[in-house]
Amino acid sequence: MDLSNKTSMEIRLIMKDLGWSSHDKLTDMGWGGTYGYGIWFEKWVWHGRSTLKLTGDKVCFHRHTPNLSDIDSVARVCAQQALSAYAEYTDCIPCQDAKNATCKATMCQDWDDERCLSKKND
């Protein structure tokens, strides 16, 4: 999906239509006396499976910046990571590590366990 030249709000609306929830935050807490911006994209159902039942949590991708002129590009990078993970991780739950890389999450249940199927559409 081409997200280039989209604003952060346009990206968030596209992601909403694809089943992702999002939230963002503009705060001076933790930014050393200046303001910073953070965005999160989250999903509780992953390819028809309940992430809560498989990992005990949601899938969450996030990005942050102290440069408020980068809000659109930070939202774009975060959304692209989330969409790439959804395309690549079709039989397990992904997560974002401390270096912002996507990796396989530790799952406490088997992907094929029928109890992990979600009643919601993905």
PDB file of N, CA and C in Angstrom:
ATOM      1  N   MET A   1       0.843  -1.164   0.000  1.00  0.00           N
ATOM      2  CA  MET A   1       0.000   0.000   0.000  1.00  0.00           C
ATOM      3  C   MET A   1       0.897   1.240   0.000  1.00  0.00           C
ATOM      4  N   ASP A   2       0.574   2.172  -0.825  1.00  0.00           N
ATOM      5  CA  ASP A   2       1.369   3.388  -0.945  1.00  0.00           C
ATOM      6  C   ASP A   2       0.864   4.436   0.038  1.00  0.00           C
ATOM      7  N   LEU A   3       1.673   4.726   1.041  1.00  0.00           N
ATOM      8  CA  LEU A   3       1.315   5.728   2.043  1.00  0.00           C
ATOM      9  C   LEU A   3       2.085   7.026   1.850  1.00  0.00           C
ATOM     10  N   SER A   4       2.884   7.092   0.792  1.00  0.00           N
ATOM     11  CA  SER A   4       3.669   8.298   0.560  1.00  0.00           C
ATOM     12  C   SER A   4       2.734   9.481   0.333  1.00  0.00           C
ATOM     13  N   ASN A   5       3.161  10.612   0.776  1.00  0.00           N
ATOM     14  CA  ASN A   5       2.408  11.859   0.643  1.00  0.00           C
ATOM     15  C   ASN A   5       1.087  11.869   1.404  1.00  0.00           C
ATOM     16  N   LYS A   6       0.925  10.944   2.355  1.00  0.00           N
ATOM     17  CA  LYS A   6      -0.267  10.944   3.211  1.00  0.00           C
ATOM     18  C   LYS A   6       0.079  11.626   4.529  1.00  0.00           C
ATOM     19  N   THR A   7      -0.876  12.323   5.096  1.00  0.00           N
ATOM     20  CA  THR A   7      -0.680  12.917   6.417  1.00  0.00           C
ATOM     21  C   THR A   7      -0.869  11.836   7.486  1.00  0.00           C
ATOM     22  N   SER A   8      -0.450  12.147   8.685  1.00  0.00           N
ATOM     23  CA  SER A   8      -0.608  11.170   9.766  1.00  0.00           C
ATOM     24  C   SER A   8      -2.084  10.831   9.977  1.00  0.00           C
ATOM     25  N   MET A   9      -2.963  11.797   9.851  1.00  0.00           N
ATOM     26  CA  MET A   9      -4.395  11.515  10.029  1.00  0.00           C
ATOM     27  C   MET A   9      -4.920  10.645   8.892  1.00  0.00           C
ATOM     28  N   GLU A  10      -4.514  10.900   7.673  1.00  0.00           N
ATOM     29  CA  GLU A  10      -4.927  10.052   6.550  1.00  0.00           C
ATOM     30  C   GLU A  10      -4.417   8.621   6.750  1.00  0.00           C
ATOM     31  N   ILE A  11      -3.196   8.489   7.222  1.00  0.00           N
ATOM     32  CA  ILE A  11      -2.618   7.161   7.479  1.00  0.00           C
ATOM     33  C   ILE A  11      -3.408   6.454   8.568  1.00  0.00           C
ATOM     34  N   ARG A  12      -3.727   7.165   9.621  1.00  0.00           N
ATOM     35  CA  ARG A  12      -4.499   6.554  10.720  1.00  0.00           C
ATOM     36  C   ARG A  12      -5.881   6.098  10.238  1.00  0.00           C
ATOM     37  N   LEU A  13      -6.509   6.865   9.366  1.00  0.00           N
ATOM     38  CA  LEU A  13      -7.822   6.465   8.842  1.00  0.00           C
ATOM     39  C   LEU A  13      -7.714   5.243   7.924  1.00  0.00           C
ATOM     40  N   ILE A  14      -6.656   5.177   7.121  1.00  0.00           N
ATOM     41  CA  ILE A  14      -6.418   3.999   6.274  1.00  0.00           C
ATOM     42  C   ILE A  14      -6.205   2.775   7.156  1.00  0.00           C
ATOM     43  N   MET A  15      -5.386   2.925   8.176  1.00  0.00           N
ATOM     44  CA  MET A  15      -5.109   1.802   9.080  1.00  0.00           C
ATOM     45  C   MET A  15      -6.384   1.365   9.807  1.00  0.00           C
ATOM     46  N   LYS A  16      -7.225   2.316  10.189  1.00  0.00           N
ATOM     47  CA  LYS A  16      -8.502   1.982  10.837  1.00  0.00           C
ATOM     48  C   LYS A  16      -9.346   1.103   9.917  1.00  0.00           C
ATOM     49  N   ASP A  17      -9.391   1.468   8.649  1.00  0.00           N
ATOM     50  CA  ASP A  17     -10.157   0.686   7.679  1.00  0.00           C
ATOM     51  C   ASP A  17      -9.583  -0.718   7.501  1.00  0.00           C
ATOM     52  N   LEU A  18      -8.312  -0.898   7.822  1.00  0.00           N
ATOM     53  CA  LEU A  18      -7.657  -2.213   7.726  1.00  0.00           C
ATOM     54  C   LEU A  18      -7.687  -2.971   9.045  1.00  0.00           C
ATOM     55  N   GLY A  19      -8.411  -2.452  10.026  1.00  0.00           N
ATOM     56  CA  GLY A  19      -8.585  -3.165  11.289  1.00  0.00           C
ATOM     57  C   GLY A  19      -7.592  -2.819  12.389  1.00  0.00           C
ATOM     58  N   TRP A  20      -6.809  -1.786  12.200  1.00  0.00           N
ATOM     59  CA  TRP A  20      -5.841  -1.355  13.206  1.00  0.00           C
ATOM     60  C   TRP A  20      -6.435  -0.214  14.028  1.00  0.00           C
ATOM     61  N   SER A  21      -6.216  -0.242  15.325  1.00  0.00           N
ATOM     62  CA  SER A  21      -6.533   0.930  16.123  1.00  0.00           C
ATOM     63  C   SER A  21      -5.242   1.724  16.291  1.00  0.00           C
ATOM     64  N   SER A  22      -5.376   2.999  16.548  1.00  0.00           N
ATOM     65  CA  SER A  22      -4.183   3.825  16.710  1.00  0.00           C
ATOM     66  C   SER A  22      -4.408   4.860  17.786  1.00  0.00           C
ATOM     67  N   HIS A  23      -3.322   5.295  18.343  1.00  0.00           N
ATOM     68  CA  HIS A  23      -3.356   6.460  19.209  1.00  0.00           C
ATOM     69  C   HIS A  23      -2.006   7.141  19.127  1.00  0.00           C
ATOM     70  N   ASP A  24      -2.038   8.437  19.390  1.00  0.00           N
ATOM     71  CA  ASP A  24      -0.786   9.171  19.369  1.00  0.00           C
ATOM     72  C   ASP A  24      -0.736  10.084  20.576  1.00  0.00           C
ATOM     73  N   LYS A  25       0.468  10.608  20.833  1.00  0.00           N
ATOM     74  CA  LYS A  25       0.660  11.411  22.022  1.00  0.00           C
ATOM     75  C   LYS A  25       1.712  12.478  21.754  1.00  0.00           C
ATOM     76  N   LEU A  26       1.385  13.679  22.132  1.00  0.00           N
ATOM     77  CA  LEU A  26       2.315  14.793  22.079  1.00  0.00           C
ATOM     78  C   LEU A  26       2.544  15.208  23.529  1.00  0.00           C
ATOM     79  N   THR A  27       3.777  15.098  24.008  1.00  0.00           N
ATOM     80  CA  THR A  27       4.038  15.345  25.415  1.00  0.00           C
ATOM     81  C   THR A  27       5.452  15.873  25.634  1.00  0.00           C
ATOM     82  N   ASP A  28       5.623  16.533  26.772  1.00  0.00           N
ATOM     83  CA  ASP A  28       6.966  16.957  27.156  1.00  0.00           C
ATOM     84  C   ASP A  28       7.568  16.016  28.189  1.00  0.00           C
ATOM     85  N   MET A  29       6.811  15.030  28.619  1.00  0.00           N
ATOM     86  CA  MET A  29       7.314  14.065  29.599  1.00  0.00           C
ATOM     87  C   MET A  29       8.329  13.128  28.945  1.00  0.00           C
ATOM     88  N   GLY A  30       9.542  13.105  29.497  1.00  0.00           N
ATOM     89  CA  GLY A  30      10.568  12.207  29.008  1.00  0.00           C
ATOM     90  C   GLY A  30      11.358  12.715  27.816  1.00  0.00           C
ATOM     91  N   TRP A  31      11.114  13.959  27.411  1.00  0.00           N
ATOM     92  CA  TRP A  31      11.792  14.486  26.225  1.00  0.00           C
ATOM     93  C   TRP A  31      12.807  15.573  26.582  1.00  0.00           C
ATOM     94  N   GLY A  32      13.201  15.662  27.823  1.00  0.00           N
ATOM     95  CA  GLY A  32      14.255  16.594  28.216  1.00  0.00           C
ATOM     96  C   GLY A  32      13.900  18.062  28.061  1.00  0.00           C
ATOM     97  N   GLY A  33      12.697  18.418  28.433  1.00  0.00           N
ATOM     98  CA  GLY A  33      12.304  19.818  28.384  1.00  0.00           C
ATOM     99  C   GLY A  33      11.735  20.284  27.061  1.00  0.00           C
ATOM    100  N   THR A  34      11.644  19.417  26.087  1.00  0.00           N
ATOM    101  CA  THR A  34      11.038  19.754  24.804  1.00  0.00           C
ATOM    102  C   THR A  34       9.850  18.816  24.580  1.00  0.00           C
ATOM    103  N   TYR A  35       9.159  18.974  23.491  1.00  0.00           N
ATOM    104  CA  TYR A  35       8.032  18.093  23.190  1.00  0.00           C
ATOM    105  C   TYR A  35       8.456  16.983  22.238  1.00  0.00           C
ATOM    106  N   GLY A  36       7.817  15.845  22.398  1.00  0.00           N
ATOM    107  CA  GLY A  36       8.026  14.722  21.499  1.00  0.00           C
ATOM    108  C   GLY A  36       6.696  14.132  21.098  1.00  0.00           C
ATOM    109  N   TYR A  37       6.719  13.355  20.043  1.00  0.00           N
ATOM    110  CA  TYR A  37       5.509  12.747  19.484  1.00  0.00           C
ATOM    111  C   TYR A  37       5.692  11.236  19.412  1.00  0.00           C
ATOM    112  N   GLY A  38       4.635  10.512  19.737  1.00  0.00           N
ATOM    113  CA  GLY A  38       4.639   9.055  19.607  1.00  0.00           C
ATOM    114  C   GLY A  38       3.343   8.581  18.971  1.00  0.00           C
ATOM    115  N   ILE A  39       3.438   7.505  18.196  1.00  0.00           N
ATOM    116  CA  ILE A  39       2.252   6.897  17.576  1.00  0.00           C
ATOM    117  C   ILE A  39       2.315   5.393  17.762  1.00  0.00           C
ATOM    118  N   TRP A  40       1.159   4.793  17.979  1.00  0.00           N
ATOM    119  CA  TRP A  40       1.028   3.357  18.169  1.00  0.00           C
ATOM    120  C   TRP A  40      -0.070   2.835  17.248  1.00  0.00           C
ATOM    121  N   PHE A  41       0.194   1.707  16.575  1.00  0.00           N
ATOM    122  CA  PHE A  41      -0.819   0.963  15.823  1.00  0.00           C
ATOM    123  C   PHE A  41      -0.958  -0.392  16.499  1.00  0.00           C
ATOM    124  N   GLU A  42      -2.212  -0.789  16.789  1.00  0.00           N
ATOM    125  CA  GLU A  42      -2.468  -2.006  17.561  1.00  0.00           C
ATOM    126  C   GLU A  42      -3.538  -2.864  16.901  1.00  0.00           C
ATOM    127  N   LYS A  43      -3.413  -4.151  17.151  1.00  0.00           N
ATOM    128  CA  LYS A  43      -4.366  -5.118  16.594  1.00  0.00           C
ATOM    129  C   LYS A  43      -4.532  -6.249  17.600  1.00  0.00           C
ATOM    130  N   TRP A  44      -5.777  -6.609  17.897  1.00  0.00           N
ATOM    131  CA  TRP A  44      -6.067  -7.697  18.838  1.00  0.00           C
ATOM    132  C   TRP A  44      -6.436  -9.000  18.133  1.00  0.00           C
ATOM    133  N   VAL A  45      -6.709  -8.940  16.845  1.00  0.00           N
ATOM    134  CA  VAL A  45      -7.017 -10.133  16.053  1.00  0.00           C
ATOM    135  C   VAL A  45      -6.010 -10.185  14.914  1.00  0.00           C
ATOM    136  N   TRP A  46      -5.335 -11.322  14.783  1.00  0.00           N
ATOM    137  CA  TRP A  46      -4.262 -11.468  13.798  1.00  0.00           C
ATOM    138  C   TRP A  46      -4.551 -12.664  12.925  1.00  0.00           C
ATOM    139  N   HIS A  47      -4.903 -12.447  11.686  1.00  0.00           N
ATOM    140  CA  HIS A  47      -5.228 -13.521  10.744  1.00  0.00           C
ATOM    141  C   HIS A  47      -6.218 -14.509  11.361  1.00  0.00           C
ATOM    142  N   GLY A  48      -7.259 -13.942  11.973  1.00  0.00           N
ATOM    143  CA  GLY A  48      -8.334 -14.765  12.525  1.00  0.00           C
ATOM    144  C   GLY A  48      -8.059 -15.356  13.890  1.00  0.00           C
ATOM    145  N   ARG A  49      -6.923 -14.999  14.494  1.00  0.00           N
ATOM    146  CA  ARG A  49      -6.560 -15.535  15.813  1.00  0.00           C
ATOM    147  C   ARG A  49      -6.586 -14.419  16.851  1.00  0.00           C
ATOM    148  N   SER A  50      -6.960 -14.771  18.058  1.00  0.00           N
ATOM    149  CA  SER A  50      -6.944 -13.828  19.166  1.00  0.00           C
ATOM    150  C   SER A  50      -5.518 -13.665  19.671  1.00  0.00           C
ATOM    151  N   THR A  51      -4.978 -12.479  19.552  1.00  0.00           N
ATOM    152  CA  THR A  51      -3.619 -12.239  20.046  1.00  0.00           C
ATOM    153  C   THR A  51      -3.566 -12.388  21.563  1.00  0.00           C
ATOM    154  N   LEU A  52      -4.658 -12.023  22.243  1.00  0.00           N
ATOM    155  CA  LEU A  52      -4.702 -12.151  23.698  1.00  0.00           C
ATOM    156  C   LEU A  52      -4.547 -13.607  24.119  1.00  0.00           C
ATOM    157  N   LYS A  53      -5.215 -14.510  23.401  1.00  0.00           N
ATOM    158  CA  LYS A  53      -5.119 -15.933  23.738  1.00  0.00           C
ATOM    159  C   LYS A  53      -3.755 -16.520  23.362  1.00  0.00           C
ATOM    160  N   LEU A  54      -3.139 -15.991  22.313  1.00  0.00           N
ATOM    161  CA  LEU A  54      -1.857 -16.547  21.855  1.00  0.00           C
ATOM    162  C   LEU A  54      -0.640 -15.980  22.587  1.00  0.00           C
ATOM    163  N   THR A  55      -0.697 -14.700  22.946  1.00  0.00           N
ATOM    164  CA  THR A  55       0.481 -14.080  23.575  1.00  0.00           C
ATOM    165  C   THR A  55       0.179 -13.400  24.902  1.00  0.00           C
ATOM    166  N   GLY A  56      -1.095 -13.208  25.195  1.00  0.00           N
ATOM    167  CA  GLY A  56      -1.463 -12.481  26.400  1.00  0.00           C
ATOM    168  C   GLY A  56      -1.510 -10.976  26.181  1.00  0.00           C
ATOM    169  N   ASP A  57      -1.367 -10.539  24.942  1.00  0.00           N
ATOM    170  CA  ASP A  57      -1.342  -9.110  24.652  1.00  0.00           C
ATOM    171  C   ASP A  57      -1.776  -8.856  23.210  1.00  0.00           C
ATOM    172  N   LYS A  58      -1.771  -7.599  22.819  1.00  0.00           N
ATOM    173  CA  LYS A  58      -2.083  -7.188  21.452  1.00  0.00           C
ATOM    174  C   LYS A  58      -0.800  -7.128  20.638  1.00  0.00           C
ATOM    175  N   VAL A  59      -0.938  -7.036  19.330  1.00  0.00           N
ATOM    176  CA  VAL A  59       0.192  -6.699  18.466  1.00  0.00           C
ATOM    177  C   VAL A  59       0.272  -5.176  18.480  1.00  0.00           C
ATOM    178  N   CYS A  60       1.471  -4.644  18.680  1.00  0.00           N
ATOM    179  CA  CYS A  60       1.638  -3.204  18.775  1.00  0.00           C
ATOM    180  C   CYS A  60       2.932  -2.772  18.107  1.00  0.00           C
ATOM    181  N   PHE A  61       2.825  -1.814  17.209  1.00  0.00           N
ATOM    182  CA  PHE A  61       3.988  -1.189  16.598  1.00  0.00           C
ATOM    183  C   PHE A  61       3.953   0.289  16.966  1.00  0.00           C
ATOM    184  N   HIS A  62       5.089   0.850  17.299  1.00  0.00           N
ATOM    185  CA  HIS A  62       5.131   2.235  17.746  1.00  0.00           C
ATOM    186  C   HIS A  62       6.407   2.914  17.272  1.00  0.00           C
ATOM    187  N   ARG A  63       6.326   4.214  17.154  1.00  0.00           N
ATOM    188  CA  ARG A  63       7.472   5.051  16.773  1.00  0.00           C
ATOM    189  C   ARG A  63       7.346   6.378  17.502  1.00  0.00           C
ATOM    190  N   HIS A  64       8.490   7.012  17.699  1.00  0.00           N
ATOM    191  CA  HIS A  64       8.542   8.266  18.437  1.00  0.00           C
ATOM    192  C   HIS A  64       9.564   9.196  17.789  1.00  0.00           C
ATOM    193  N   THR A  65       9.373  10.507  17.983  1.00  0.00           N
ATOM    194  CA  THR A  65      10.331  11.486  17.474  1.00  0.00           C
ATOM    195  C   THR A  65      10.277  12.757  18.317  1.00  0.00           C
ATOM    196  N   PRO A  66      11.430  13.394  18.515  1.00  0.00           N
ATOM    197  CA  PRO A  66      11.440  14.705  19.156  1.00  0.00           C
ATOM    198  C   PRO A  66      11.238  15.837  18.147  1.00  0.00           C
ATOM    199  N   ASN A  67      11.220  15.502  16.865  1.00  0.00           N
ATOM    200  CA  ASN A  67      11.095  16.495  15.802  1.00  0.00           C
ATOM    201  C   ASN A  67       9.644  16.524  15.320  1.00  0.00           C
ATOM    202  N   LEU A  68       8.910  17.525  15.748  1.00  0.00           N
ATOM    203  CA  LEU A  68       7.478  17.570  15.442  1.00  0.00           C
ATOM    204  C   LEU A  68       7.181  17.773  13.961  1.00  0.00           C
ATOM    205  N   SER A  69       8.160  18.189  13.182  1.00  0.00           N
ATOM    206  CA  SER A  69       7.944  18.292  11.742  1.00  0.00           C
ATOM    207  C   SER A  69       8.001  16.911  11.079  1.00  0.00           C
ATOM    208  N   ASP A  70       8.373  15.879  11.830  1.00  0.00           N
ATOM    209  CA  ASP A  70       8.445  14.509  11.310  1.00  0.00           C
ATOM    210  C   ASP A  70       7.209  13.662  11.627  1.00  0.00           C
ATOM    211  N   ILE A  71       6.160  14.265  12.132  1.00  0.00           N
ATOM    212  CA  ILE A  71       4.976  13.496  12.545  1.00  0.00           C
ATOM    213  C   ILE A  71       4.444  12.632  11.401  1.00  0.00           C
ATOM    214  N   ASP A  72       4.271  13.183  10.225  1.00  0.00           N
ATOM    215  CA  ASP A  72       3.736  12.410   9.094  1.00  0.00           C
ATOM    216  C   ASP A  72       4.661  11.258   8.716  1.00  0.00           C
ATOM    217  N   SER A  73       5.950  11.505   8.667  1.00  0.00           N
ATOM    218  CA  SER A  73       6.887  10.445   8.265  1.00  0.00           C
ATOM    219  C   SER A  73       6.997   9.369   9.337  1.00  0.00           C
ATOM    220  N   VAL A  74       6.908   9.736  10.603  1.00  0.00           N
ATOM    221  CA  VAL A  74       6.948   8.743  11.685  1.00  0.00           C
ATOM    222  C   VAL A  74       5.697   7.867  11.631  1.00  0.00           C
ATOM    223  N   ALA A  75       4.554   8.470  11.390  1.00  0.00           N
ATOM    224  CA  ALA A  75       3.314   7.692  11.248  1.00  0.00           C
ATOM    225  C   ALA A  75       3.416   6.750  10.056  1.00  0.00           C
ATOM    226  N   ARG A  76       3.992   7.222   8.977  1.00  0.00           N
ATOM    227  CA  ARG A  76       4.154   6.411   7.765  1.00  0.00           C
ATOM    228  C   ARG A  76       5.062   5.211   8.020  1.00  0.00           C
ATOM    229  N   VAL A  77       6.208   5.436   8.646  1.00  0.00           N
ATOM    230  CA  VAL A  77       7.153   4.351   8.931  1.00  0.00           C
ATOM    231  C   VAL A  77       6.516   3.310   9.851  1.00  0.00           C
ATOM    232  N   CYS A  78       5.804   3.773  10.853  1.00  0.00           N
ATOM    233  CA  CYS A  78       5.151   2.857  11.790  1.00  0.00           C
ATOM    234  C   CYS A  78       4.065   2.033  11.090  1.00  0.00           C
ATOM    235  N   ALA A  79       3.247   2.686  10.282  1.00  0.00           N
ATOM    236  CA  ALA A  79       2.185   1.989   9.559  1.00  0.00           C
ATOM    237  C   ALA A  79       2.764   0.977   8.569  1.00  0.00           C
ATOM    238  N   GLN A  80       3.823   1.359   7.886  1.00  0.00           N
ATOM    239  CA  GLN A  80       4.432   0.435   6.923  1.00  0.00           C
ATOM    240  C   GLN A  80       5.004  -0.792   7.626  1.00  0.00           C
ATOM    241  N   GLN A  81       5.588  -0.594   8.804  1.00  0.00           N
ATOM    242  CA  GLN A  81       6.093  -1.736   9.558  1.00  0.00           C
ATOM    243  C   GLN A  81       4.943  -2.656   9.962  1.00  0.00           C
ATOM    244  N   ALA A  82       3.856  -2.080  10.432  1.00  0.00           N
ATOM    245  CA  ALA A  82       2.696  -2.880  10.832  1.00  0.00           C
ATOM    246  C   ALA A  82       2.113  -3.645   9.642  1.00  0.00           C
ATOM    247  N   LEU A  83       1.959  -2.985   8.506  1.00  0.00           N
ATOM    248  CA  LEU A  83       1.404  -3.645   7.322  1.00  0.00           C
ATOM    249  C   LEU A  83       2.343  -4.723   6.780  1.00  0.00           C
ATOM    250  N   SER A  84       3.633  -4.472   6.813  1.00  0.00           N
ATOM    251  CA  SER A  84       4.603  -5.488   6.378  1.00  0.00           C
ATOM    252  C   SER A  84       4.554  -6.702   7.284  1.00  0.00           C
ATOM    253  N   ALA A  85       4.434  -6.466   8.575  1.00  0.00           N
ATOM    254  CA  ALA A  85       4.347  -7.580   9.526  1.00  0.00           C
ATOM    255  C   ALA A  85       3.092  -8.404   9.264  1.00  0.00           C
ATOM    256  N   TYR A  86       1.979  -7.729   8.971  1.00  0.00           N
ATOM    257  CA  TYR A  86       0.734  -8.460   8.711  1.00  0.00           C
ATOM    258  C   TYR A  86       0.866  -9.338   7.462  1.00  0.00           C
ATOM    259  N   ALA A  87       1.579  -8.860   6.467  1.00  0.00           N
ATOM    260  CA  ALA A  87       1.780  -9.642   5.240  1.00  0.00           C
ATOM    261  C   ALA A  87       2.761 -10.792   5.458  1.00  0.00           C
ATOM    262  N   GLU A  88       3.765 -10.579   6.272  1.00  0.00           N
ATOM    263  CA  GLU A  88       4.826 -11.574   6.453  1.00  0.00           C
ATOM    264  C   GLU A  88       4.520 -12.621   7.520  1.00  0.00           C
ATOM    265  N   TYR A  89       3.917 -12.221   8.606  1.00  0.00           N
ATOM    266  CA  TYR A  89       3.676 -13.127   9.736  1.00  0.00           C
ATOM    267  C   TYR A  89       2.242 -13.644   9.671  1.00  0.00           C
ATOM    268  N   THR A  90       2.044 -14.666   8.870  1.00  0.00           N
ATOM    269  CA  THR A  90       0.691 -15.186   8.655  1.00  0.00           C
ATOM    270  C   THR A  90       0.365 -16.403   9.503  1.00  0.00           C
ATOM    271  N   ASP A  91       1.361 -16.955  10.193  1.00  0.00           N
ATOM    272  CA  ASP A  91       1.101 -18.136  11.018  1.00  0.00           C
ATOM    273  C   ASP A  91       1.708 -18.018  12.411  1.00  0.00           C
ATOM    274  N   CYS A  92       1.952 -16.800  12.840  1.00  0.00           N
ATOM    275  CA  CYS A  92       2.435 -16.531  14.191  1.00  0.00           C
ATOM    276  C   CYS A  92       2.198 -15.056  14.491  1.00  0.00           C
ATOM    277  N   ILE A  93       2.432 -14.682  15.719  1.00  0.00           N
ATOM    278  CA  ILE A  93       2.226 -13.302  16.144  1.00  0.00           C
ATOM    279  C   ILE A  93       3.569 -12.578  16.160  1.00  0.00           C
ATOM    280  N   PRO A  94       3.644 -11.405  15.535  1.00  0.00           N
ATOM    281  CA  PRO A  94       4.888 -10.630  15.562  1.00  0.00           C
ATOM    282  C   PRO A  94       4.902  -9.633  16.724  1.00  0.00           C
ATOM    283  N   CYS A  95       6.070  -9.083  16.959  1.00  0.00           N
ATOM    284  CA  CYS A  95       6.203  -7.983  17.899  1.00  0.00           C
ATOM    285  C   CYS A  95       7.343  -7.086  17.427  1.00  0.00           C
ATOM    286  N   GLN A  96       7.507  -5.990  18.079  1.00  0.00           N
ATOM    287  CA  GLN A  96       8.569  -5.039  17.767  1.00  0.00           C
ATOM    288  C   GLN A  96       9.590  -5.117  18.901  1.00  0.00           C
ATOM    289  N   ASP A  97      10.859  -5.333  18.555  1.00  0.00           N
ATOM    290  CA  ASP A  97      11.878  -5.431  19.596  1.00  0.00           C
ATOM    291  C   ASP A  97      12.423  -4.055  19.967  1.00  0.00           C
ATOM    292  N   ALA A  98      13.373  -4.020  20.878  1.00  0.00           N
ATOM    293  CA  ALA A  98      13.915  -2.760  21.385  1.00  0.00           C
ATOM    294  C   ALA A  98      14.644  -1.950  20.319  1.00  0.00           C
ATOM    295  N   LYS A  99      15.034  -2.590  19.228  1.00  0.00           N
ATOM    296  CA  LYS A  99      15.718  -1.886  18.136  1.00  0.00           C
ATOM    297  C   LYS A  99      14.760  -1.559  16.996  1.00  0.00           C
ATOM    298  N   ASN A 100      13.464  -1.674  17.256  1.00  0.00           N
ATOM    299  CA  ASN A 100      12.387  -1.391  16.293  1.00  0.00           C
ATOM    300  C   ASN A 100      12.264  -2.417  15.171  1.00  0.00           C
ATOM    301  N   ALA A 101      12.929  -3.548  15.294  1.00  0.00           N
ATOM    302  CA  ALA A 101      12.810  -4.602  14.284  1.00  0.00           C
ATOM    303  C   ALA A 101      11.582  -5.457  14.593  1.00  0.00           C
ATOM    304  N   THR A 102      10.996  -6.022  13.559  1.00  0.00           N
ATOM    305  CA  THR A 102       9.877  -6.935  13.732  1.00  0.00           C
ATOM    306  C   THR A 102      10.428  -8.343  13.940  1.00  0.00           C
ATOM    307  N   CYS A 103       9.892  -9.043  14.932  1.00  0.00           N
ATOM    308  CA  CYS A 103      10.326 -10.411  15.209  1.00  0.00           C
ATOM    309  C   CYS A 103       9.117 -11.215  15.699  1.00  0.00           C
ATOM    310  N   LYS A 104       9.296 -12.504  15.813  1.00  0.00           N
ATOM    311  CA  LYS A 104       8.222 -13.383  16.270  1.00  0.00           C
ATOM    312  C   LYS A 104       8.055 -13.227  17.783  1.00  0.00           C
ATOM    313  N   ALA A 105       6.826 -13.040  18.204  1.00  0.00           N
ATOM    314  CA  ALA A 105       6.521 -12.936  19.632  1.00  0.00           C
ATOM    315  C   ALA A 105       6.522 -14.319  20.260  1.00  0.00           C
ATOM    316  N   THR A 106       6.753 -14.364  21.543  1.00  0.00           N
ATOM    317  CA  THR A 106       6.633 -15.614  22.289  1.00  0.00           C
ATOM    318  C   THR A 106       5.152 -15.920  22.453  1.00  0.00           C
ATOM    319  N   MET A 107       4.752 -17.092  21.984  1.00  0.00           N
ATOM    320  CA  MET A 107       3.346 -17.466  22.058  1.00  0.00           C
ATOM    321  C   MET A 107       3.169 -18.510  23.160  1.00  0.00           C
ATOM    322  N   CYS A 108       2.122 -18.342  23.952  1.00  0.00           N
ATOM    323  CA  CYS A 108       1.843 -19.273  25.041  1.00  0.00           C
ATOM    324  C   CYS A 108       0.833 -20.345  24.631  1.00  0.00           C
ATOM    325  N   GLN A 109       0.309 -20.252  23.429  1.00  0.00           N
ATOM    326  CA  GLN A 109      -0.615 -21.255  22.891  1.00  0.00           C
ATOM    327  C   GLN A 109      -0.186 -21.581  21.464  1.00  0.00           C
ATOM    328  N   ASP A 110      -0.638 -22.721  20.975  1.00  0.00           N
ATOM    329  CA  ASP A 110      -0.342 -23.134  19.614  1.00  0.00           C
ATOM    330  C   ASP A 110      -1.238 -22.376  18.635  1.00  0.00           C
ATOM    331  N   TRP A 111      -0.648 -21.897  17.552  1.00  0.00           N
ATOM    332  CA  TRP A 111      -1.367 -21.151  16.521  1.00  0.00           C
ATOM    333  C   TRP A 111      -2.602 -21.899  16.031  1.00  0.00           C
ATOM    334  N   ASP A 112      -2.504 -23.223  15.894  1.00  0.00           N
ATOM    335  CA  ASP A 112      -3.596 -24.023  15.342  1.00  0.00           C
ATOM    336  C   ASP A 112      -4.627 -24.467  16.379  1.00  0.00           C
ATOM    337  N   ASP A 113      -4.456 -24.087  17.622  1.00  0.00           N
ATOM    338  CA  ASP A 113      -5.419 -24.436  18.667  1.00  0.00           C
ATOM    339  C   ASP A 113      -6.737 -23.712  18.385  1.00  0.00           C
ATOM    340  N   GLU A 114      -7.812 -24.465  18.244  1.00  0.00           N
ATOM    341  CA  GLU A 114      -9.120 -23.888  17.902  1.00  0.00           C
ATOM    342  C   GLU A 114      -9.584 -22.849  18.927  1.00  0.00           C
ATOM    343  N   ARG A 115      -9.120 -22.992  20.167  1.00  0.00           N
ATOM    344  CA  ARG A 115      -9.514 -22.031  21.207  1.00  0.00           C
ATOM    345  C   ARG A 115      -8.939 -20.639  20.956  1.00  0.00           C
ATOM    346  N   CYS A 116      -7.972 -20.540  20.052  1.00  0.00           N
ATOM    347  CA  CYS A 116      -7.348 -19.252  19.748  1.00  0.00           C
ATOM    348  C   CYS A 116      -8.009 -18.532  18.576  1.00  0.00           C
ATOM    349  N   LEU A 117      -8.977 -19.190  17.949  1.00  0.00           N
ATOM    350  CA  LEU A 117      -9.701 -18.534  16.856  1.00  0.00           C
ATOM    351  C   LEU A 117     -10.509 -17.379  17.421  1.00  0.00           C
ATOM    352  N   SER A 118     -10.576 -16.305  16.705  1.00  0.00           N
ATOM    353  CA  SER A 118     -11.309 -15.129  17.146  1.00  0.00           C
ATOM    354  C   SER A 118     -12.713 -15.168  16.575  1.00  0.00           C
ATOM    355  N   LYS A 119     -13.646 -14.675  17.345  1.00  0.00           N
ATOM    356  CA  LYS A 119     -15.021 -14.575  16.863  1.00  0.00           C
ATOM    357  C   LYS A 119     -15.224 -13.295  16.048  1.00  0.00           C
ATOM    358  N   LYS A 120     -14.253 -12.371  16.151  1.00  0.00           N
ATOM    359  CA  LYS A 120     -14.312 -11.123  15.375  1.00  0.00           C
ATOM    360  C   LYS A 120     -13.644 -11.327  14.037  1.00  0.00           C
ATOM    361  N   ASN A 121     -14.072 -10.545  13.067  1.00  0.00           N
ATOM    362  CA  ASN A 121     -13.409 -10.565  11.763  1.00  0.00           C
ATOM    363  C   ASN A 121     -12.075  -9.841  11.865  1.00  0.00           C
ATOM    364  N   ASP A 122     -11.116 -10.308  11.082  1.00  0.00           N
ATOM    365  CA  ASP A 122      -9.789  -9.701  11.088  1.00  0.00           C
ATOM    366  C   ASP A 122      -9.711  -8.616  10.038  1.00  0.00           C
TER     367      ASP A 122
END
